[in-house]
Amino acid sequence: EFRRVLFRSEWSEAAKINKNDVFLRNFYDLTDMSARRFLAIGNVNGALKCYENLSEVFPDDANAVHNFGICLKKAGNNEAAVKVLMRSLAMDPANDARREELISAAELSGRLDFAARQADVLIEHRPEDPAAYLRAAKLWCRRGNKARDDAKAIALARDALRISHDEEEYKFGLADVLIETGNVLEGMKIKRALRKKETK
């Protein structure tokens, strides 16, 4: 406990002076390794504490901050996870993997409008990825989304199907979106046709 107090006060100050100090870098590597070992045995709280410490000493390290956010999400603290993951994404805005984790945490925390807007950014980054379009579509038509936009959701789902060259996964996706937006007959018609095809 005494070492932890020293670490949080004096060592964090040392990191501000020279974050590449060999002892600090060794500490970073060992703490990261400990966190991964904790996760491997299902000890999320142990990993969370490791990454919390790293993110305090290395607040400009996107990986440390991101991993802290991931552990918060795993621990069920989704609101805090959103805030932390936003910090890591701000340091590395082109990183789609970080943005996907942020979308997931936002969705779990009930911030569906925010999650949908972040999903739109993924489409901008990956305009040829049908999965990005379908994910955004389902977020835009989710119940509880304060900015729900059914017309946009349907358009995105149709785009996903078009980009996928009519893959069945995206036909089912379009059907789900149609049903969710109140176009039940059209959605069920698509699903019946697909199921009939499967039984042949």
C-alpha atoms as a PDB file:
ATOM      1  CA  GLU A   1       0.000   0.000   0.000  1.00  0.00           C
ATOM      2  CA  PHE A   2       2.900   2.372   0.829  1.00  0.00           C
ATOM      3  CA  ARG A   3       4.444   1.691  -2.581  1.00  0.00           C
ATOM      4  CA  ARG A   4       1.079   2.407  -4.212  1.00  0.00           C
ATOM      5  CA  VAL A   5       0.894   5.814  -2.477  1.00  0.00           C
ATOM      6  CA  LEU A   6       4.400   6.657  -3.632  1.00  0.00           C
ATOM      7  CA  PHE A   7       3.509   5.508  -7.138  1.00  0.00           C
ATOM      8  CA  ARG A   8       0.398   7.632  -7.437  1.00  0.00           C
ATOM      9  CA  SER A   9       2.022  10.805  -6.185  1.00  0.00           C
ATOM     10  CA  GLU A  10       5.739  10.893  -6.879  1.00  0.00           C
ATOM     11  CA  TRP A  11       6.010   8.454  -9.787  1.00  0.00           C
ATOM     12  CA  SER A  12       3.249  10.142 -11.733  1.00  0.00           C
ATOM     13  CA  GLU A  13       5.151  13.401 -11.375  1.00  0.00           C
ATOM     14  CA  ALA A  14       8.283  11.652 -12.620  1.00  0.00           C
ATOM     15  CA  ALA A  15       6.390  10.470 -15.697  1.00  0.00           C
ATOM     16  CA  LYS A  16       5.521  14.072 -16.532  1.00  0.00           C
ATOM     17  CA  ILE A  17       9.231  14.890 -16.577  1.00  0.00           C
ATOM     18  CA  ASN A  18      10.397  11.865 -18.561  1.00  0.00           C
ATOM     19  CA  LYS A  19       7.816   9.252 -19.442  1.00  0.00           C
ATOM     20  CA  ASN A  20      10.501   7.258 -21.270  1.00  0.00           C
ATOM     21  CA  ASP A  21      12.504   6.681 -18.110  1.00  0.00           C
ATOM     22  CA  VAL A  22      13.658   3.068 -18.161  1.00  0.00           C
ATOM     23  CA  PHE A  23      12.162   2.264 -14.762  1.00  0.00           C
ATOM     24  CA  LEU A  24       8.820   3.747 -15.737  1.00  0.00           C
ATOM     25  CA  ARG A  25       8.796   1.844 -19.024  1.00  0.00           C
ATOM     26  CA  ASN A  26       9.581  -1.378 -17.178  1.00  0.00           C
ATOM     27  CA  PHE A  27       6.758  -0.591 -14.792  1.00  0.00           C
ATOM     28  CA  TYR A  28       4.427   0.012 -17.746  1.00  0.00           C
ATOM     29  CA  ASP A  29       5.317  -3.319 -19.347  1.00  0.00           C
ATOM     30  CA  LEU A  30       5.025  -5.292 -16.111  1.00  0.00           C
ATOM     31  CA  THR A  31       1.716  -3.693 -15.172  1.00  0.00           C
ATOM     32  CA  ASP A  32       0.308  -4.310 -18.638  1.00  0.00           C
ATOM     33  CA  MET A  33       1.418  -7.940 -18.426  1.00  0.00           C
ATOM     34  CA  SER A  34      -0.208  -8.292 -14.999  1.00  0.00           C
ATOM     35  CA  ALA A  35      -3.442  -6.850 -16.349  1.00  0.00           C
ATOM     36  CA  ARG A  36      -3.487  -9.330 -19.204  1.00  0.00           C
ATOM     37  CA  ARG A  37      -2.887 -12.186 -16.791  1.00  0.00           C
ATOM     38  CA  PHE A  38      -5.757 -10.982 -14.610  1.00  0.00           C
ATOM     39  CA  LEU A  39      -8.037 -10.916 -17.654  1.00  0.00           C
ATOM     40  CA  ALA A  40      -6.924 -14.403 -18.656  1.00  0.00           C
ATOM     41  CA  ILE A  41      -8.204 -15.783 -15.354  1.00  0.00           C
ATOM     42  CA  GLY A  42     -11.338 -13.645 -15.341  1.00  0.00           C
ATOM     43  CA  ASN A  43     -10.214 -11.153 -12.711  1.00  0.00           C
ATOM     44  CA  VAL A  44     -11.602  -7.996 -14.322  1.00  0.00           C
ATOM     45  CA  ASN A  45     -11.209  -5.860 -11.206  1.00  0.00           C
ATOM     46  CA  GLY A  46      -7.527  -6.717 -10.952  1.00  0.00           C
ATOM     47  CA  ALA A  47      -6.977  -5.753 -14.581  1.00  0.00           C
ATOM     48  CA  LEU A  48      -9.055  -2.612 -14.123  1.00  0.00           C
ATOM     49  CA  LYS A  49      -6.842  -1.446 -11.245  1.00  0.00           C
ATOM     50  CA  CYS A  50      -3.708  -2.055 -13.324  1.00  0.00           C
ATOM     51  CA  TYR A  51      -4.972  -0.028 -16.268  1.00  0.00           C
ATOM     52  CA  GLU A  52      -6.363   2.667 -13.995  1.00  0.00           C
ATOM     53  CA  ASN A  53      -2.866   3.107 -12.554  1.00  0.00           C
ATOM     54  CA  LEU A  54      -1.286   3.166 -16.006  1.00  0.00           C
ATOM     55  CA  SER A  55      -3.782   5.712 -17.299  1.00  0.00           C
ATOM     56  CA  GLU A  56      -3.056   7.970 -14.323  1.00  0.00           C
ATOM     57  CA  VAL A  57       0.701   7.857 -14.786  1.00  0.00           C
ATOM     58  CA  PHE A  58       0.558   7.894 -18.600  1.00  0.00           C
ATOM     59  CA  PRO A  59      -2.587   9.966 -19.328  1.00  0.00           C
ATOM     60  CA  ASP A  60      -1.459  10.598 -22.915  1.00  0.00           C
ATOM     61  CA  ASP A  61      -0.979   6.920 -23.702  1.00  0.00           C
ATOM     62  CA  ALA A  62      -3.953   5.944 -25.866  1.00  0.00           C
ATOM     63  CA  ASN A  63      -3.485   2.214 -25.274  1.00  0.00           C
ATOM     64  CA  ALA A  64      -3.429   2.525 -21.482  1.00  0.00           C
ATOM     65  CA  VAL A  65      -6.506   4.757 -21.468  1.00  0.00           C
ATOM     66  CA  HIS A  66      -8.322   2.534 -23.971  1.00  0.00           C
ATOM     67  CA  ASN A  67      -7.624  -0.620 -21.978  1.00  0.00           C
ATOM     68  CA  PHE A  68      -8.857   1.102 -18.823  1.00  0.00           C
ATOM     69  CA  GLY A  69     -12.094   1.877 -20.662  1.00  0.00           C
ATOM     70  CA  ILE A  70     -12.422  -1.718 -21.849  1.00  0.00           C
ATOM     71  CA  CYS A  71     -12.065  -2.973 -18.282  1.00  0.00           C
ATOM     72  CA  LEU A  72     -14.661  -0.499 -17.041  1.00  0.00           C
ATOM     73  CA  LYS A  73     -17.038  -1.860 -19.688  1.00  0.00           C
ATOM     74  CA  LYS A  74     -16.266  -5.456 -18.709  1.00  0.00           C
ATOM     75  CA  ALA A  75     -16.983  -4.511 -15.086  1.00  0.00           C
ATOM     76  CA  GLY A  76     -20.387  -3.123 -16.101  1.00  0.00           C
ATOM     77  CA  ASN A  77     -19.502   0.529 -15.497  1.00  0.00           C
ATOM     78  CA  ASN A  78     -20.600   1.605 -18.955  1.00  0.00           C
ATOM     79  CA  GLU A  79     -21.102   5.326 -18.336  1.00  0.00           C
ATOM     80  CA  ALA A  80     -17.559   5.674 -17.035  1.00  0.00           C
ATOM     81  CA  ALA A  81     -16.330   3.474 -19.880  1.00  0.00           C
ATOM     82  CA  VAL A  82     -17.847   5.848 -22.449  1.00  0.00           C
ATOM     83  CA  LYS A  83     -16.004   8.824 -20.947  1.00  0.00           C
ATOM     84  CA  VAL A  84     -12.678   7.006 -20.816  1.00  0.00           C
ATOM     85  CA  LEU A  85     -13.036   5.515 -24.309  1.00  0.00           C
ATOM     86  CA  MET A  86     -13.833   8.975 -25.666  1.00  0.00           C
ATOM     87  CA  ARG A  87     -10.497  10.131 -24.238  1.00  0.00           C
ATOM     88  CA  SER A  88      -8.581   7.342 -25.946  1.00  0.00           C
ATOM     89  CA  LEU A  89     -10.374   7.926 -29.252  1.00  0.00           C
ATOM     90  CA  ALA A  90      -9.578  11.639 -29.109  1.00  0.00           C
ATOM     91  CA  MET A  91      -5.899  10.674 -29.071  1.00  0.00           C
ATOM     92  CA  ASP A  92      -6.329   8.326 -32.038  1.00  0.00           C
ATOM     93  CA  PRO A  93      -9.470   9.338 -33.976  1.00  0.00           C
ATOM     94  CA  ALA A  94      -8.667   7.233 -37.048  1.00  0.00           C
ATOM     95  CA  ASN A  95      -8.631   4.004 -35.015  1.00  0.00           C
ATOM     96  CA  ASP A  96     -11.855   2.195 -35.889  1.00  0.00           C
ATOM     97  CA  ALA A  97     -11.295  -0.522 -33.276  1.00  0.00           C
ATOM     98  CA  ARG A  98     -11.349   2.124 -30.548  1.00  0.00           C
ATOM     99  CA  ARG A  99     -14.485   3.662 -32.027  1.00  0.00           C
ATOM    100  CA  GLU A 100     -16.227   0.274 -32.150  1.00  0.00           C
ATOM    101  CA  GLU A 101     -15.563  -0.228 -28.434  1.00  0.00           C
ATOM    102  CA  LEU A 102     -16.929   3.243 -27.759  1.00  0.00           C
ATOM    103  CA  ILE A 103     -20.084   2.443 -29.744  1.00  0.00           C
ATOM    104  CA  SER A 104     -20.540  -0.776 -27.766  1.00  0.00           C
ATOM    105  CA  ALA A 105     -20.132   0.986 -24.407  1.00  0.00           C
ATOM    106  CA  ALA A 106     -22.478   3.795 -25.461  1.00  0.00           C
ATOM    107  CA  GLU A 107     -25.078   1.259 -26.560  1.00  0.00           C
ATOM    108  CA  LEU A 108     -24.828  -0.593 -23.253  1.00  0.00           C
ATOM    109  CA  SER A 109     -25.159   2.641 -21.309  1.00  0.00           C
ATOM    110  CA  GLY A 110     -28.319   3.590 -23.210  1.00  0.00           C
ATOM    111  CA  ARG A 111     -26.744   6.457 -25.143  1.00  0.00           C
ATOM    112  CA  LEU A 112     -28.142   5.188 -28.417  1.00  0.00           C
ATOM    113  CA  ASP A 113     -28.160   8.529 -30.222  1.00  0.00           C
ATOM    114  CA  PHE A 114     -24.457   8.982 -29.498  1.00  0.00           C
ATOM    115  CA  ALA A 115     -23.730   5.389 -30.525  1.00  0.00           C
ATOM    116  CA  ALA A 116     -25.585   5.896 -33.821  1.00  0.00           C
ATOM    117  CA  ARG A 117     -23.614   9.041 -34.625  1.00  0.00           C
ATOM    118  CA  GLN A 118     -20.364   7.218 -33.948  1.00  0.00           C
ATOM    119  CA  ALA A 119     -21.548   4.397 -36.207  1.00  0.00           C
ATOM    120  CA  ASP A 120     -22.029   6.987 -38.949  1.00  0.00           C
ATOM    121  CA  VAL A 121     -18.364   7.911 -38.585  1.00  0.00           C
ATOM    122  CA  LEU A 122     -17.433   4.259 -39.105  1.00  0.00           C
ATOM    123  CA  ILE A 123     -19.316   4.350 -42.406  1.00  0.00           C
ATOM    124  CA  GLU A 124     -17.280   7.388 -43.448  1.00  0.00           C
ATOM    125  CA  HIS A 125     -14.108   5.454 -42.651  1.00  0.00           C
ATOM    126  CA  ARG A 126     -15.307   2.189 -44.249  1.00  0.00           C
ATOM    127  CA  PRO A 127     -17.690   3.092 -47.085  1.00  0.00           C
ATOM    128  CA  GLU A 128     -17.437  -0.381 -48.627  1.00  0.00           C
ATOM    129  CA  ASP A 129     -18.191  -2.309 -45.421  1.00  0.00           C
ATOM    130  CA  PRO A 130     -21.831  -3.487 -45.354  1.00  0.00           C
ATOM    131  CA  ALA A 131     -21.546  -4.453 -41.675  1.00  0.00           C
ATOM    132  CA  ALA A 132     -20.894  -0.807 -40.776  1.00  0.00           C
ATOM    133  CA  TYR A 133     -24.068   0.273 -42.582  1.00  0.00           C
ATOM    134  CA  LEU A 134     -26.228  -2.406 -40.975  1.00  0.00           C
ATOM    135  CA  ARG A 135     -24.907  -1.657 -37.494  1.00  0.00           C
ATOM    136  CA  ALA A 136     -25.721   2.022 -37.927  1.00  0.00           C
ATOM    137  CA  ALA A 137     -29.150   1.155 -39.333  1.00  0.00           C
ATOM    138  CA  LYS A 138     -30.070  -0.931 -36.296  1.00  0.00           C
ATOM    139  CA  LEU A 139     -28.898   1.800 -33.925  1.00  0.00           C
ATOM    140  CA  TRP A 140     -30.866   4.522 -35.684  1.00  0.00           C
ATOM    141  CA  CYS A 141     -34.135   2.576 -35.380  1.00  0.00           C
ATOM    142  CA  ARG A 142     -33.627   1.281 -31.841  1.00  0.00           C
ATOM    143  CA  ARG A 143     -36.349   2.062 -29.344  1.00  0.00           C
ATOM    144  CA  GLY A 144     -35.019   4.494 -26.796  1.00  0.00           C
ATOM    145  CA  ASN A 145     -32.876   6.371 -29.300  1.00  0.00           C
ATOM    146  CA  LYS A 146     -33.744  10.021 -28.652  1.00  0.00           C
ATOM    147  CA  ALA A 147     -32.766  10.879 -32.222  1.00  0.00           C
ATOM    148  CA  ARG A 148     -34.462   7.835 -33.777  1.00  0.00           C
ATOM    149  CA  ASP A 149     -34.687   8.120 -37.559  1.00  0.00           C
ATOM    150  CA  ASP A 150     -36.558   5.242 -39.187  1.00  0.00           C
ATOM    151  CA  ALA A 151     -36.172   6.528 -42.741  1.00  0.00           C
ATOM    152  CA  LYS A 152     -32.422   6.787 -42.323  1.00  0.00           C
ATOM    153  CA  ALA A 153     -32.283   3.314 -40.780  1.00  0.00           C
ATOM    154  CA  ILE A 154     -34.090   1.756 -43.728  1.00  0.00           C
ATOM    155  CA  ALA A 155     -31.889   3.592 -46.245  1.00  0.00           C
ATOM    156  CA  LEU A 156     -28.744   2.389 -44.461  1.00  0.00           C
ATOM    157  CA  ALA A 157     -30.008  -1.195 -44.344  1.00  0.00           C
ATOM    158  CA  ARG A 158     -30.739  -1.073 -48.085  1.00  0.00           C
ATOM    159  CA  ASP A 159     -27.238   0.323 -48.671  1.00  0.00           C
ATOM    160  CA  ALA A 160     -25.780  -2.560 -46.670  1.00  0.00           C
ATOM    161  CA  LEU A 161     -27.635  -5.061 -48.842  1.00  0.00           C
ATOM    162  CA  ARG A 162     -26.528  -3.338 -52.036  1.00  0.00           C
ATOM    163  CA  ILE A 163     -22.863  -3.152 -51.001  1.00  0.00           C
ATOM    164  CA  SER A 164     -22.914  -6.804 -49.915  1.00  0.00           C
ATOM    165  CA  HIS A 165     -24.195  -7.811 -53.366  1.00  0.00           C
ATOM    166  CA  ASP A 166     -27.392  -9.229 -51.867  1.00  0.00           C
ATOM    167  CA  GLU A 167     -25.848 -11.528 -49.275  1.00  0.00           C
ATOM    168  CA  GLU A 168     -28.512 -13.309 -47.231  1.00  0.00           C
ATOM    169  CA  GLU A 169     -27.167 -11.968 -43.933  1.00  0.00           C
ATOM    170  CA  TYR A 170     -28.010  -8.457 -45.087  1.00  0.00           C
ATOM    171  CA  LYS A 171     -31.396  -9.489 -46.451  1.00  0.00           C
ATOM    172  CA  PHE A 172     -32.234 -10.698 -42.945  1.00  0.00           C
ATOM    173  CA  GLY A 173     -30.768  -7.460 -41.600  1.00  0.00           C
ATOM    174  CA  LEU A 174     -32.972  -5.353 -43.840  1.00  0.00           C
ATOM    175  CA  ALA A 175     -35.987  -7.431 -42.810  1.00  0.00           C
ATOM    176  CA  ASP A 176     -35.202  -6.828 -39.115  1.00  0.00           C
ATOM    177  CA  VAL A 177     -34.929  -3.083 -39.697  1.00  0.00           C
ATOM    178  CA  LEU A 178     -38.189  -3.000 -41.670  1.00  0.00           C
ATOM    179  CA  ILE A 179     -40.011  -4.832 -38.897  1.00  0.00           C
ATOM    180  CA  GLU A 180     -38.501  -2.587 -36.213  1.00  0.00           C
ATOM    181  CA  THR A 181     -39.612   0.514 -38.115  1.00  0.00           C
ATOM    182  CA  GLY A 182     -43.189  -0.707 -38.458  1.00  0.00           C
ATOM    183  CA  ASN A 183     -42.967  -2.134 -41.985  1.00  0.00           C
ATOM    184  CA  VAL A 184     -43.872  -5.555 -40.664  1.00  0.00           C
ATOM    185  CA  LEU A 185     -45.494  -7.024 -43.784  1.00  0.00           C
ATOM    186  CA  GLU A 186     -42.549  -6.132 -46.008  1.00  0.00           C
ATOM    187  CA  GLY A 187     -40.050  -7.422 -43.484  1.00  0.00           C
ATOM    188  CA  MET A 188     -41.886 -10.704 -42.930  1.00  0.00           C
ATOM    189  CA  LYS A 189     -42.225 -11.183 -46.690  1.00  0.00           C
ATOM    190  CA  ILE A 190     -38.434 -11.045 -47.036  1.00  0.00           C
ATOM    191  CA  LYS A 191     -37.949 -13.482 -44.161  1.00  0.00           C
ATOM    192  CA  ARG A 192     -40.502 -15.951 -45.520  1.00  0.00           C
ATOM    193  CA  ALA A 193     -38.804 -15.915 -48.909  1.00  0.00           C
ATOM    194  CA  LEU A 194     -35.426 -16.558 -47.330  1.00  0.00           C
ATOM    195  CA  ARG A 195     -36.709 -19.391 -45.161  1.00  0.00           C
ATOM    196  CA  LYS A 196     -38.480 -20.958 -48.116  1.00  0.00           C
ATOM    197  CA  LYS A 197     -35.211 -20.867 -50.015  1.00  0.00           C
ATOM    198  CA  GLU A 198     -33.433 -22.580 -47.081  1.00  0.00           C
ATOM    199  CA  THR A 199     -35.884 -25.492 -47.072  1.00  0.00           C
ATOM    200  CA  LYS A 200     -35.423 -26.280 -50.719  1.00  0.00           C
END
